[in-house]
Amino acid sequence: SAGFAPWQLVTSAFLHGSLMHLALNMVGLYSFGRDVEDALGSRRYL
């Protein structure tokens, strides 16, 4: 199954190599994403 496929451009962003990897990314998203979503609105933020 190894090899490039177009859906990987999106699906790879929901996979993480370790719990620490996940935690660092989610802390960043939680810390900065709330204010950015408030400023842009949910649709533009997405």
PDB file of all heavy atoms in Angstrom:
ATOM      1  N   SER A   1       0.812  -1.212   0.000  1.00  0.00           N
ATOM      2  CA  SER A   1       0.000   0.000   0.000  1.00  0.00           C
ATOM      3  C   SER A   1       0.850   1.268   0.000  1.00  0.00           C
ATOM      4  O   SER A   1       0.320   2.370  -0.150  1.00  0.00           O
ATOM      5  CB  SER A   1      -0.936   0.016   1.221  1.00  0.00           C
ATOM      6  OG  SER A   1      -1.850  -1.052   1.160  1.00  0.00           O
ATOM      7  N   ALA A   2       2.164   1.127   0.220  1.00  0.00           N
ATOM      8  CA  ALA A   2       3.029   2.303   0.241  1.00  0.00           C
ATOM      9  C   ALA A   2       3.080   2.939  -1.136  1.00  0.00           C
ATOM     10  O   ALA A   2       3.099   2.260  -2.152  1.00  0.00           O
ATOM     11  CB  ALA A   2       4.434   1.911   0.700  1.00  0.00           C
ATOM     12  N   GLY A   3       3.132   4.256  -1.178  1.00  0.00           N
ATOM     13  CA  GLY A   3       3.152   4.988  -2.436  1.00  0.00           C
ATOM     14  C   GLY A   3       2.190   6.153  -2.385  1.00  0.00           C
ATOM     15  O   GLY A   3       1.218   6.143  -1.610  1.00  0.00           O
ATOM     16  N   PHE A   4       2.448   7.155  -3.210  1.00  0.00           N
ATOM     17  CA  PHE A   4       1.630   8.371  -3.166  1.00  0.00           C
ATOM     18  C   PHE A   4       0.232   8.132  -3.715  1.00  0.00           C
ATOM     19  O   PHE A   4       0.038   7.437  -4.708  1.00  0.00           O
ATOM     20  CB  PHE A   4       2.305   9.482  -3.962  1.00  0.00           C
ATOM     21  CG  PHE A   4       1.426  10.695  -4.115  1.00  0.00           C
ATOM     22  CD1 PHE A   4       1.209  11.546  -3.040  1.00  0.00           C
ATOM     23  CD2 PHE A   4       0.790  10.971  -5.321  1.00  0.00           C
ATOM     24  CE1 PHE A   4       0.378  12.645  -3.159  1.00  0.00           C
ATOM     25  CE2 PHE A   4      -0.029  12.077  -5.449  1.00  0.00           C
ATOM     26  CZ  PHE A   4      -0.235  12.915  -4.364  1.00  0.00           C
ATOM     27  N   ALA A   5      -0.746   8.739  -3.044  1.00  0.00           N
ATOM     28  CA  ALA A   5      -2.129   8.786  -3.519  1.00  0.00           C
ATOM     29  C   ALA A   5      -2.675  10.164  -3.164  1.00  0.00           C
ATOM     30  O   ALA A   5      -2.311  10.737  -2.130  1.00  0.00           O
ATOM     31  CB  ALA A   5      -2.967   7.697  -2.872  1.00  0.00           C
ATOM     32  N   PRO A   6      -3.527  10.748  -4.012  1.00  0.00           N
ATOM     33  CA  PRO A   6      -3.978  12.134  -3.802  1.00  0.00           C
ATOM     34  C   PRO A   6      -4.604  12.400  -2.441  1.00  0.00           C
ATOM     35  O   PRO A   6      -4.422  13.480  -1.872  1.00  0.00           O
ATOM     36  CB  PRO A   6      -5.001  12.338  -4.929  1.00  0.00           C
ATOM     37  CG  PRO A   6      -4.583  11.386  -5.990  1.00  0.00           C
ATOM     38  CD  PRO A   6      -4.047  10.182  -5.261  1.00  0.00           C
ATOM     39  N   TRP A   7      -5.354  11.427  -1.899  1.00  0.00           N
ATOM     40  CA  TRP A   7      -6.017  11.683  -0.616  1.00  0.00           C
ATOM     41  C   TRP A   7      -5.033  11.881   0.536  1.00  0.00           C
ATOM     42  O   TRP A   7      -5.370  12.462   1.553  1.00  0.00           O
ATOM     43  CB  TRP A   7      -6.975  10.534  -0.270  1.00  0.00           C
ATOM     44  CG  TRP A   7      -6.319   9.185  -0.194  1.00  0.00           C
ATOM     45  CD1 TRP A   7      -5.576   8.683   0.838  1.00  0.00           C
ATOM     46  CD2 TRP A   7      -6.350   8.169  -1.202  1.00  0.00           C
ATOM     47  NE1 TRP A   7      -5.140   7.418   0.546  1.00  0.00           N
ATOM     48  CE2 TRP A   7      -5.605   7.060  -0.689  1.00  0.00           C
ATOM     49  CE3 TRP A   7      -6.944   8.060  -2.453  1.00  0.00           C
ATOM     50  CZ2 TRP A   7      -5.426   5.890  -1.419  1.00  0.00           C
ATOM     51  CZ3 TRP A   7      -6.772   6.889  -3.166  1.00  0.00           C
ATOM     52  CH2 TRP A   7      -6.019   5.835  -2.657  1.00  0.00           C
ATOM     53  N   GLN A   8      -3.806  11.430   0.349  1.00  0.00           N
ATOM     54  CA  GLN A   8      -2.809  11.570   1.408  1.00  0.00           C
ATOM     55  C   GLN A   8      -2.469  13.030   1.710  1.00  0.00           C
ATOM     56  O   GLN A   8      -1.983  13.337   2.798  1.00  0.00           O
ATOM     57  CB  GLN A   8      -1.529  10.816   1.020  1.00  0.00           C
ATOM     58  CG  GLN A   8      -1.731   9.319   0.892  1.00  0.00           C
ATOM     59  CD  GLN A   8      -0.549   8.631   0.262  1.00  0.00           C
ATOM     60  OE1 GLN A   8       0.443   9.270  -0.128  1.00  0.00           O
ATOM     61  NE2 GLN A   8      -0.628   7.316   0.131  1.00  0.00           N
ATOM     62  N   LEU A   9      -2.730  13.924   0.757  1.00  0.00           N
ATOM     63  CA  LEU A   9      -2.486  15.345   0.985  1.00  0.00           C
ATOM     64  C   LEU A   9      -3.305  15.864   2.166  1.00  0.00           C
ATOM     65  O   LEU A   9      -2.907  16.822   2.838  1.00  0.00           O
ATOM     66  CB  LEU A   9      -2.824  16.152  -0.277  1.00  0.00           C
ATOM     67  CG  LEU A   9      -1.957  15.863  -1.507  1.00  0.00           C
ATOM     68  CD1 LEU A   9      -2.579  16.487  -2.748  1.00  0.00           C
ATOM     69  CD2 LEU A   9      -0.537  16.384  -1.309  1.00  0.00           C
ATOM     70  N   VAL A  10      -4.441  15.216   2.431  1.00  0.00           N
ATOM     71  CA  VAL A  10      -5.311  15.600   3.555  1.00  0.00           C
ATOM     72  C   VAL A  10      -5.222  14.600   4.702  1.00  0.00           C
ATOM     73  O   VAL A  10      -5.054  14.981   5.859  1.00  0.00           O
ATOM     74  CB  VAL A  10      -6.771  15.735   3.092  1.00  0.00           C
ATOM     75  CG1 VAL A  10      -7.690  16.019   4.285  1.00  0.00           C
ATOM     76  CG2 VAL A  10      -6.897  16.845   2.051  1.00  0.00           C
ATOM     77  N   THR A  11      -5.300  13.310   4.380  1.00  0.00           N
ATOM     78  CA  THR A  11      -5.363  12.311   5.448  1.00  0.00           C
ATOM     79  C   THR A  11      -4.101  12.287   6.308  1.00  0.00           C
ATOM     80  O   THR A  11      -4.175  11.977   7.506  1.00  0.00           O
ATOM     81  CB  THR A  11      -5.604  10.903   4.861  1.00  0.00           C
ATOM     82  OG1 THR A  11      -4.552  10.591   3.924  1.00  0.00           O
ATOM     83  CG2 THR A  11      -6.947  10.846   4.145  1.00  0.00           C
ATOM     84  N   SER A  12      -2.967  12.603   5.730  1.00  0.00           N
ATOM     85  CA  SER A  12      -1.714  12.585   6.499  1.00  0.00           C
ATOM     86  C   SER A  12      -1.752  13.581   7.657  1.00  0.00           C
ATOM     87  O   SER A  12      -1.055  13.403   8.655  1.00  0.00           O
ATOM     88  CB  SER A  12      -0.521  12.891   5.591  1.00  0.00           C
ATOM     89  OG  SER A  12      -0.661  14.166   4.983  1.00  0.00           O
ATOM     90  N   ALA A  13      -2.575  14.627   7.517  1.00  0.00           N
ATOM     91  CA  ALA A  13      -2.658  15.658   8.553  1.00  0.00           C
ATOM     92  C   ALA A  13      -3.433  15.200   9.782  1.00  0.00           C
ATOM     93  O   ALA A  13      -3.457  15.907  10.794  1.00  0.00           O
ATOM     94  CB  ALA A  13      -3.294  16.925   7.988  1.00  0.00           C
ATOM     95  N   PHE A  14      -4.055  14.025   9.714  1.00  0.00           N
ATOM     96  CA  PHE A  14      -4.805  13.510  10.869  1.00  0.00           C
ATOM     97  C   PHE A  14      -4.112  12.310  11.509  1.00  0.00           C
ATOM     98  O   PHE A  14      -4.654  11.697  12.423  1.00  0.00           O
ATOM     99  CB  PHE A  14      -6.226  13.138  10.447  1.00  0.00           C
ATOM    100  CG  PHE A  14      -7.070  14.334  10.102  1.00  0.00           C
ATOM    101  CD1 PHE A  14      -7.135  14.798   8.794  1.00  0.00           C
ATOM    102  CD2 PHE A  14      -7.770  15.003  11.089  1.00  0.00           C
ATOM    103  CE1 PHE A  14      -7.895  15.920   8.477  1.00  0.00           C
ATOM    104  CE2 PHE A  14      -8.533  16.134  10.776  1.00  0.00           C
ATOM    105  CZ  PHE A  14      -8.592  16.594   9.472  1.00  0.00           C
ATOM    106  N   LEU A  15      -2.907  12.004  11.032  1.00  0.00           N
ATOM    107  CA  LEU A  15      -2.122  10.921  11.603  1.00  0.00           C
ATOM    108  C   LEU A  15      -0.940  11.502  12.364  1.00  0.00           C
ATOM    109  O   LEU A  15      -0.407  12.543  11.989  1.00  0.00           O
ATOM    110  CB  LEU A  15      -1.610   9.989  10.502  1.00  0.00           C
ATOM    111  CG  LEU A  15      -2.668   9.305   9.619  1.00  0.00           C
ATOM    112  CD1 LEU A  15      -1.984   8.524   8.504  1.00  0.00           C
ATOM    113  CD2 LEU A  15      -3.544   8.388  10.457  1.00  0.00           C
ATOM    114  N   HIS A  16      -0.522  10.827  13.420  1.00  0.00           N
ATOM    115  CA  HIS A  16       0.624  11.279  14.215  1.00  0.00           C
ATOM    116  C   HIS A  16       1.485  10.089  14.602  1.00  0.00           C
ATOM    117  O   HIS A  16       0.976   8.986  14.803  1.00  0.00           O
ATOM    118  CB  HIS A  16       0.157  12.054  15.451  1.00  0.00           C
ATOM    119  CG  HIS A  16      -0.427  13.386  15.132  1.00  0.00           C
ATOM    120  ND1 HIS A  16      -1.745  13.537  14.737  1.00  0.00           N
ATOM    121  CD2 HIS A  16       0.132  14.625  15.108  1.00  0.00           C
ATOM    122  CE1 HIS A  16      -1.978  14.818  14.496  1.00  0.00           C
ATOM    123  NE2 HIS A  16      -0.864  15.490  14.718  1.00  0.00           N
ATOM    124  N   GLY A  17       2.788  10.353  14.689  1.00  0.00           N
ATOM    125  CA  GLY A  17       3.729   9.273  14.938  1.00  0.00           C
ATOM    126  C   GLY A  17       3.844   8.856  16.388  1.00  0.00           C
ATOM    127  O   GLY A  17       4.345   7.773  16.684  1.00  0.00           O
ATOM    128  N   SER A  18       3.394   9.692  17.308  1.00  0.00           N
ATOM    129  CA  SER A  18       3.493   9.372  18.733  1.00  0.00           C
ATOM    130  C   SER A  18       2.525  10.244  19.510  1.00  0.00           C
ATOM    131  O   SER A  18       1.990  11.236  18.982  1.00  0.00           O
ATOM    132  CB  SER A  18       4.915   9.605  19.245  1.00  0.00           C
ATOM    133  OG  SER A  18       5.222  10.993  19.231  1.00  0.00           O
ATOM    134  N   LEU A  19       2.322   9.900  20.765  1.00  0.00           N
ATOM    135  CA  LEU A  19       1.451  10.698  21.624  1.00  0.00           C
ATOM    136  C   LEU A  19       2.024  12.098  21.820  1.00  0.00           C
ATOM    137  O   LEU A  19       1.267  13.077  21.851  1.00  0.00           O
ATOM    138  CB  LEU A  19       1.273   9.998  22.971  1.00  0.00           C
ATOM    139  CG  LEU A  19       0.350  10.695  23.982  1.00  0.00           C
ATOM    140  CD1 LEU A  19      -1.052  10.857  23.417  1.00  0.00           C
ATOM    141  CD2 LEU A  19       0.322   9.913  25.299  1.00  0.00           C
ATOM    142  N   MET A  20       3.339  12.218  21.955  1.00  0.00           N
ATOM    143  CA  MET A  20       3.964  13.524  22.116  1.00  0.00           C
ATOM    144  C   MET A  20       3.769  14.386  20.870  1.00  0.00           C
ATOM    145  O   MET A  20       3.499  15.588  20.957  1.00  0.00           O
ATOM    146  CB  MET A  20       5.450  13.361  22.414  1.00  0.00           C
ATOM    147  CG  MET A  20       6.191  14.688  22.592  1.00  0.00           C
ATOM    148  SD  MET A  20       5.528  15.675  23.972  1.00  0.00           S
ATOM    149  CE  MET A  20       6.069  14.678  25.364  1.00  0.00           C
ATOM    150  N   HIS A  21       3.909  13.766  19.705  1.00  0.00           N
ATOM    151  CA  HIS A  21       3.694  14.472  18.437  1.00  0.00           C
ATOM    152  C   HIS A  21       2.281  15.040  18.388  1.00  0.00           C
ATOM    153  O   HIS A  21       2.059  16.218  18.049  1.00  0.00           O
ATOM    154  CB  HIS A  21       3.934  13.498  17.274  1.00  0.00           C
ATOM    155  CG  HIS A  21       3.889  14.109  15.926  1.00  0.00           C
ATOM    156  ND1 HIS A  21       3.659  13.383  14.783  1.00  0.00           N
ATOM    157  CD2 HIS A  21       4.044  15.396  15.518  1.00  0.00           C
ATOM    158  CE1 HIS A  21       3.672  14.192  13.735  1.00  0.00           C
ATOM    159  NE2 HIS A  21       3.905  15.421  14.156  1.00  0.00           N
ATOM    160  N   LEU A  22       1.308  14.201  18.744  1.00  0.00           N
ATOM    161  CA  LEU A  22      -0.083  14.640  18.769  1.00  0.00           C
ATOM    162  C   LEU A  22      -0.279  15.757  19.780  1.00  0.00           C
ATOM    163  O   LEU A  22      -0.920  16.780  19.480  1.00  0.00           O
ATOM    164  CB  LEU A  22      -0.982  13.452  19.123  1.00  0.00           C
ATOM    165  CG  LEU A  22      -2.456  13.775  19.380  1.00  0.00           C
ATOM    166  CD1 LEU A  22      -3.163  14.153  18.087  1.00  0.00           C
ATOM    167  CD2 LEU A  22      -3.151  12.586  20.048  1.00  0.00           C
ATOM    168  N   ALA A  23       0.262  15.587  20.985  1.00  0.00           N
ATOM    169  CA  ALA A  23       0.050  16.561  22.053  1.00  0.00           C
ATOM    170  C   ALA A  23       0.592  17.930  21.685  1.00  0.00           C
ATOM    171  O   ALA A  23      -0.070  18.955  21.904  1.00  0.00           O
ATOM    172  CB  ALA A  23       0.709  16.061  23.344  1.00  0.00           C
ATOM    173  N   LEU A  24       1.787  17.991  21.112  1.00  0.00           N
ATOM    174  CA  LEU A  24       2.380  19.273  20.741  1.00  0.00           C
ATOM    175  C   LEU A  24       1.528  19.994  19.702  1.00  0.00           C
ATOM    176  O   LEU A  24       1.288  21.205  19.805  1.00  0.00           O
ATOM    177  CB  LEU A  24       3.795  19.064  20.221  1.00  0.00           C
ATOM    178  CG  LEU A  24       4.850  18.683  21.271  1.00  0.00           C
ATOM    179  CD1 LEU A  24       6.169  18.345  20.590  1.00  0.00           C
ATOM    180  CD2 LEU A  24       5.039  19.805  22.281  1.00  0.00           C
ATOM    181  N   ASN A  25       1.057  19.254  18.713  1.00  0.00           N
ATOM    182  CA  ASN A  25       0.235  19.877  17.681  1.00  0.00           C
ATOM    183  C   ASN A  25      -1.106  20.359  18.232  1.00  0.00           C
ATOM    184  O   ASN A  25      -1.580  21.453  17.896  1.00  0.00           O
ATOM    185  CB  ASN A  25       0.001  18.905  16.525  1.00  0.00           C
ATOM    186  CG  ASN A  25       1.145  18.873  15.542  1.00  0.00           C
ATOM    187  OD1 ASN A  25       1.871  19.860  15.387  1.00  0.00           O
ATOM    188  ND2 ASN A  25       1.338  17.754  14.882  1.00  0.00           N
ATOM    189  N   MET A  26      -1.727  19.555  19.082  1.00  0.00           N
ATOM    190  CA  MET A  26      -3.038  19.929  19.611  1.00  0.00           C
ATOM    191  C   MET A  26      -2.939  21.078  20.607  1.00  0.00           C
ATOM    192  O   MET A  26      -3.842  21.925  20.683  1.00  0.00           O
ATOM    193  CB  MET A  26      -3.727  18.722  20.242  1.00  0.00           C
ATOM    194  CG  MET A  26      -4.074  17.615  19.252  1.00  0.00           C
ATOM    195  SD  MET A  26      -5.067  18.176  17.828  1.00  0.00           S
ATOM    196  CE  MET A  26      -3.796  18.333  16.548  1.00  0.00           C
ATOM    197  N   VAL A  27      -1.860  21.148  21.370  1.00  0.00           N
ATOM    198  CA  VAL A  27      -1.654  22.295  22.256  1.00  0.00           C
ATOM    199  C   VAL A  27      -1.524  23.570  21.429  1.00  0.00           C
ATOM    200  O   VAL A  27      -2.105  24.614  21.771  1.00  0.00           O
ATOM    201  CB  VAL A  27      -0.408  22.090  23.142  1.00  0.00           C
ATOM    202  CG1 VAL A  27      -0.006  23.394  23.824  1.00  0.00           C
ATOM    203  CG2 VAL A  27      -0.680  21.030  24.196  1.00  0.00           C
ATOM    204  N   GLY A  28      -0.784  23.496  20.343  1.00  0.00           N
ATOM    205  CA  GLY A  28      -0.652  24.658  19.462  1.00  0.00           C
ATOM    206  C   GLY A  28      -1.977  25.069  18.853  1.00  0.00           C
ATOM    207  O   GLY A  28      -2.320  26.260  18.794  1.00  0.00           O
ATOM    208  N   LEU A  29      -2.745  24.082  18.399  1.00  0.00           N
ATOM    209  CA  LEU A  29      -4.042  24.381  17.789  1.00  0.00           C
ATOM    210  C   LEU A  29      -4.996  24.974  18.813  1.00  0.00           C
ATOM    211  O   LEU A  29      -5.726  25.934  18.523  1.00  0.00           O
ATOM    212  CB  LEU A  29      -4.619  23.104  17.192  1.00  0.00           C
ATOM    213  CG  LEU A  29      -5.707  23.248  16.133  1.00  0.00           C
ATOM    214  CD1 LEU A  29      -5.243  24.105  14.973  1.00  0.00           C
ATOM    215  CD2 LEU A  29      -6.137  21.874  15.632  1.00  0.00           C
ATOM    216  N   TYR A  30      -4.995  24.432  20.022  1.00  0.00           N
ATOM    217  CA  TYR A  30      -5.862  24.950  21.074  1.00  0.00           C
ATOM    218  C   TYR A  30      -5.448  26.369  21.484  1.00  0.00           C
ATOM    219  O   TYR A  30      -6.301  27.238  21.693  1.00  0.00           O
ATOM    220  CB  TYR A  30      -5.799  24.021  22.292  1.00  0.00           C
ATOM    221  CG  TYR A  30      -6.610  24.509  23.469  1.00  0.00           C
ATOM    222  CD1 TYR A  30      -7.987  24.324  23.510  1.00  0.00           C
ATOM    223  CD2 TYR A  30      -5.996  25.171  24.532  1.00  0.00           C
ATOM    224  CE1 TYR A  30      -8.734  24.775  24.590  1.00  0.00           C
ATOM    225  CE2 TYR A  30      -6.735  25.628  25.615  1.00  0.00           C
ATOM    226  CZ  TYR A  30      -8.104  25.430  25.634  1.00  0.00           C
ATOM    227  OH  TYR A  30      -8.841  25.895  26.694  1.00  0.00           O
ATOM    228  N   SER A  31      -4.161  26.620  21.570  1.00  0.00           N
ATOM    229  CA  SER A  31      -3.658  27.902  22.065  1.00  0.00           C
ATOM    230  C   SER A  31      -3.930  29.049  21.097  1.00  0.00           C
ATOM    231  O   SER A  31      -4.263  30.160  21.524  1.00  0.00           O
ATOM    232  CB  SER A  31      -2.154  27.800  22.332  1.00  0.00           C
ATOM    233  OG  SER A  31      -1.868  26.819  23.308  1.00  0.00           O
ATOM    234  N   PHE A  32      -3.784  28.787  19.798  1.00  0.00           N
ATOM    235  CA  PHE A  32      -3.887  29.867  18.820  1.00  0.00           C
ATOM    236  C   PHE A  32      -5.163  29.816  17.982  1.00  0.00           C
ATOM    237  O   PHE A  32      -5.607  30.845  17.463  1.00  0.00           O
ATOM    238  CB  PHE A  32      -2.665  29.828  17.886  1.00  0.00           C
ATOM    239  CG  PHE A  32      -1.366  29.941  18.611  1.00  0.00           C
ATOM    240  CD1 PHE A  32      -0.518  28.853  18.735  1.00  0.00           C
ATOM    241  CD2 PHE A  32      -0.978  31.145  19.187  1.00  0.00           C
ATOM    242  CE1 PHE A  32       0.684  28.953  19.412  1.00  0.00           C
ATOM    243  CE2 PHE A  32       0.225  31.260  19.871  1.00  0.00           C
ATOM    244  CZ  PHE A  32       1.061  30.153  19.987  1.00  0.00           C
ATOM    245  N   GLY A  33      -5.743  28.643  17.843  1.00  0.00           N
ATOM    246  CA  GLY A  33      -6.878  28.502  16.942  1.00  0.00           C
ATOM    247  C   GLY A  33      -8.138  29.194  17.400  1.00  0.00           C
ATOM    248  O   GLY A  33      -8.925  29.683  16.583  1.00  0.00           O
ATOM    249  N   ARG A  34      -8.359  29.255  18.705  1.00  0.00           N
ATOM    250  CA  ARG A  34      -9.610  29.844  19.205  1.00  0.00           C
ATOM    251  C   ARG A  34      -9.738  31.308  18.804  1.00  0.00           C
ATOM    252  O   ARG A  34     -10.786  31.744  18.303  1.00  0.00           O
ATOM    253  CB  ARG A  34      -9.674  29.704  20.725  1.00  0.00           C
ATOM    254  CG  ARG A  34      -9.766  28.274  21.228  1.00  0.00           C
ATOM    255  CD  ARG A  34      -9.630  28.216  22.732  1.00  0.00           C
ATOM    256  NE  ARG A  34      -8.339  28.728  23.183  1.00  0.00           N
ATOM    257  CZ  ARG A  34      -8.034  29.023  24.433  1.00  0.00           C
ATOM    258  NH1 ARG A  34      -8.957  28.894  25.371  1.00  0.00           N
ATOM    259  NH2 ARG A  34      -6.831  29.463  24.758  1.00  0.00           N
ATOM    260  N   ASP A  35      -8.682  32.090  19.024  1.00  0.00           N
ATOM    261  CA  ASP A  35      -8.737  33.515  18.692  1.00  0.00           C
ATOM    262  C   ASP A  35      -8.809  33.744  17.191  1.00  0.00           C
ATOM    263  O   ASP A  35      -9.490  34.663  16.714  1.00  0.00           O
ATOM    264  CB  ASP A  35      -7.517  34.239  19.275  1.00  0.00           C
ATOM    265  CG  ASP A  35      -7.599  34.392  20.787  1.00  0.00           C
ATOM    266  OD1 ASP A  35      -8.724  34.448  21.314  1.00  0.00           O
ATOM    267  OD2 ASP A  35      -6.541  34.440  21.438  1.00  0.00           O
ATOM    268  N   VAL A  36      -8.107  32.913  16.430  1.00  0.00           N
ATOM    269  CA  VAL A  36      -8.143  33.053  14.972  1.00  0.00           C
ATOM    270  C   VAL A  36      -9.539  32.727  14.452  1.00  0.00           C
ATOM    271  O   VAL A  36     -10.064  33.430  13.577  1.00  0.00           O
ATOM    272  CB  VAL A  36      -7.081  32.151  14.309  1.00  0.00           C
ATOM    273  CG1 VAL A  36      -7.207  32.209  12.786  1.00  0.00           C
ATOM    274  CG2 VAL A  36      -5.677  32.578  14.726  1.00  0.00           C
ATOM    275  N   GLU A  37     -10.167  31.691  14.988  1.00  0.00           N
ATOM    276  CA  GLU A  37     -11.531  31.362  14.562  1.00  0.00           C
ATOM    277  C   GLU A  37     -12.507  32.464  14.957  1.00  0.00           C
ATOM    278  O   GLU A  37     -13.413  32.809  14.175  1.00  0.00           O
ATOM    279  CB  GLU A  37     -11.983  30.032  15.159  1.00  0.00           C
ATOM    280  CG  GLU A  37     -13.362  29.624  14.685  1.00  0.00           C
ATOM    281  CD  GLU A  37     -13.792  28.244  15.157  1.00  0.00           C
ATOM    282  OE1 GLU A  37     -12.980  27.559  15.807  1.00  0.00           O
ATOM    283  OE2 GLU A  37     -14.940  27.858  14.865  1.00  0.00           O
ATOM    284  N   ASP A  38     -12.356  33.034  16.143  1.00  0.00           N
ATOM    285  CA  ASP A  38     -13.222  34.139  16.554  1.00  0.00           C
ATOM    286  C   ASP A  38     -13.089  35.319  15.598  1.00  0.00           C
ATOM    287  O   ASP A  38     -14.072  35.994  15.281  1.00  0.00           O
ATOM    288  CB  ASP A  38     -12.861  34.595  17.972  1.00  0.00           C
ATOM    289  CG  ASP A  38     -13.364  33.634  19.039  1.00  0.00           C
ATOM    290  OD1 ASP A  38     -14.264  32.823  18.738  1.00  0.00           O
ATOM    291  OD2 ASP A  38     -12.847  33.688  20.171  1.00  0.00           O
ATOM    292  N   ALA A  39     -11.865  35.580  15.142  1.00  0.00           N
ATOM    293  CA  ALA A  39     -11.628  36.731  14.271  1.00  0.00           C
ATOM    294  C   ALA A  39     -12.117  36.498  12.845  1.00  0.00           C
ATOM    295  O   ALA A  39     -12.672  37.398  12.215  1.00  0.00           O
ATOM    296  CB  ALA A  39     -10.134  37.074  14.256  1.00  0.00           C
ATOM    297  N   LEU A  40     -11.930  35.288  12.341  1.00  0.00           N
ATOM    298  CA  LEU A  40     -12.269  35.001  10.941  1.00  0.00           C
ATOM    299  C   LEU A  40     -13.686  34.481  10.750  1.00  0.00           C
ATOM    300  O   LEU A  40     -14.259  34.615   9.676  1.00  0.00           O
ATOM    301  CB  LEU A  40     -11.287  33.972  10.365  1.00  0.00           C
ATOM    302  CG  LEU A  40      -9.824  34.379  10.211  1.00  0.00           C
ATOM    303  CD1 LEU A  40      -9.012  33.207   9.671  1.00  0.00           C
ATOM    304  CD2 LEU A  40      -9.691  35.584   9.294  1.00  0.00           C
ATOM    305  N   GLY A  41     -14.230  33.873  11.786  1.00  0.00           N
ATOM    306  CA  GLY A  41     -15.474  33.141  11.627  1.00  0.00           C
ATOM    307  C   GLY A  41     -15.156  31.687  11.297  1.00  0.00           C
ATOM    308  O   GLY A  41     -14.095  31.376  10.757  1.00  0.00           O
ATOM    309  N   SER A  42     -16.079  30.789  11.598  1.00  0.00           N
ATOM    310  CA  SER A  42     -15.812  29.359  11.471  1.00  0.00           C
ATOM    311  C   SER A  42     -15.540  28.914  10.040  1.00  0.00           C
ATOM    312  O   SER A  42     -14.647  28.095   9.791  1.00  0.00           O
ATOM    313  CB  SER A  42     -16.991  28.561  12.043  1.00  0.00           C
ATOM    314  OG  SER A  42     -17.109  28.781  13.440  1.00  0.00           O
ATOM    315  N   ARG A  43     -16.292  29.435   9.082  1.00  0.00           N
ATOM    316  CA  ARG A  43     -16.114  28.986   7.697  1.00  0.00           C
ATOM    317  C   ARG A  43     -14.751  29.404   7.157  1.00  0.00           C
ATOM    318  O   ARG A  43     -14.040  28.587   6.558  1.00  0.00           O
ATOM    319  CB  ARG A  43     -17.224  29.555   6.803  1.00  0.00           C
ATOM    320  CG  ARG A  43     -17.160  29.043   5.370  1.00  0.00           C
ATOM    321  CD  ARG A  43     -18.389  29.423   4.580  1.00  0.00           C
ATOM    322  NE  ARG A  43     -18.537  30.866   4.461  1.00  0.00           N
ATOM    323  CZ  ARG A  43     -19.521  31.469   3.798  1.00  0.00           C
ATOM    324  NH1 ARG A  43     -20.473  30.728   3.234  1.00  0.00           N
ATOM    325  NH2 ARG A  43     -19.588  32.775   3.725  1.00  0.00           N
ATOM    326  N   ARG A  44     -14.377  30.653   7.384  1.00  0.00           N
ATOM    327  CA  ARG A  44     -13.073  31.096   6.907  1.00  0.00           C
ATOM    328  C   ARG A  44     -11.941  30.413   7.673  1.00  0.00           C
ATOM    329  O   ARG A  44     -10.878  30.146   7.108  1.00  0.00           O
ATOM    330  CB  ARG A  44     -12.949  32.619   7.019  1.00  0.00           C
ATOM    331  CG  ARG A  44     -13.577  33.355   5.846  1.00  0.00           C
ATOM    332  CD  ARG A  44     -13.191  34.817   5.853  1.00  0.00           C
ATOM    333  NE  ARG A  44     -13.495  35.453   4.588  1.00  0.00           N
ATOM    334  CZ  ARG A  44     -13.191  36.714   4.268  1.00  0.00           C
ATOM    335  NH1 ARG A  44     -12.573  37.466   5.172  1.00  0.00           N
ATOM    336  NH2 ARG A  44     -13.491  37.205   3.097  1.00  0.00           N
ATOM    337  N   TYR A  45     -12.164  30.150   8.938  1.00  0.00           N
ATOM    338  CA  TYR A  45     -11.130  29.474   9.718  1.00  0.00           C
ATOM    339  C   TYR A  45     -10.883  28.070   9.172  1.00  0.00           C
ATOM    340  O   TYR A  45      -9.723  27.643   9.024  1.00  0.00           O
ATOM    341  CB  TYR A  45     -11.525  29.398  11.190  1.00  0.00           C
ATOM    342  CG  TYR A  45     -10.529  28.656  12.036  1.00  0.00           C
ATOM    343  CD1 TYR A  45      -9.281  29.203  12.332  1.00  0.00           C
ATOM    344  CD2 TYR A  45     -10.820  27.387  12.529  1.00  0.00           C
ATOM    345  CE1 TYR A  45      -8.357  28.523  13.101  1.00  0.00           C
ATOM    346  CE2 TYR A  45      -9.898  26.697  13.308  1.00  0.00           C
ATOM    347  CZ  TYR A  45      -8.669  27.270  13.582  1.00  0.00           C
ATOM    348  OH  TYR A  45      -7.746  26.585  14.342  1.00  0.00           O
ATOM    349  N   LEU A  46     -11.952  27.352   8.872  1.00  0.00           N
ATOM    350  CA  LEU A  46     -11.796  26.012   8.294  1.00  0.00           C
ATOM    351  C   LEU A  46     -11.080  26.096   6.952  1.00  0.00           C
ATOM    352  O   LEU A  46     -10.213  25.266   6.644  1.00  0.00           O
ATOM    353  CB  LEU A  46     -13.161  25.352   8.130  1.00  0.00           C
ATOM    354  CG  LEU A  46     -13.152  23.947   7.510  1.00  0.00           C
ATOM    355  CD1 LEU A  46     -12.328  22.984   8.357  1.00  0.00           C
ATOM    356  CD2 LEU A  46     -14.580  23.430   7.345  1.00  0.00           C
TER     357      LEU A  46
END
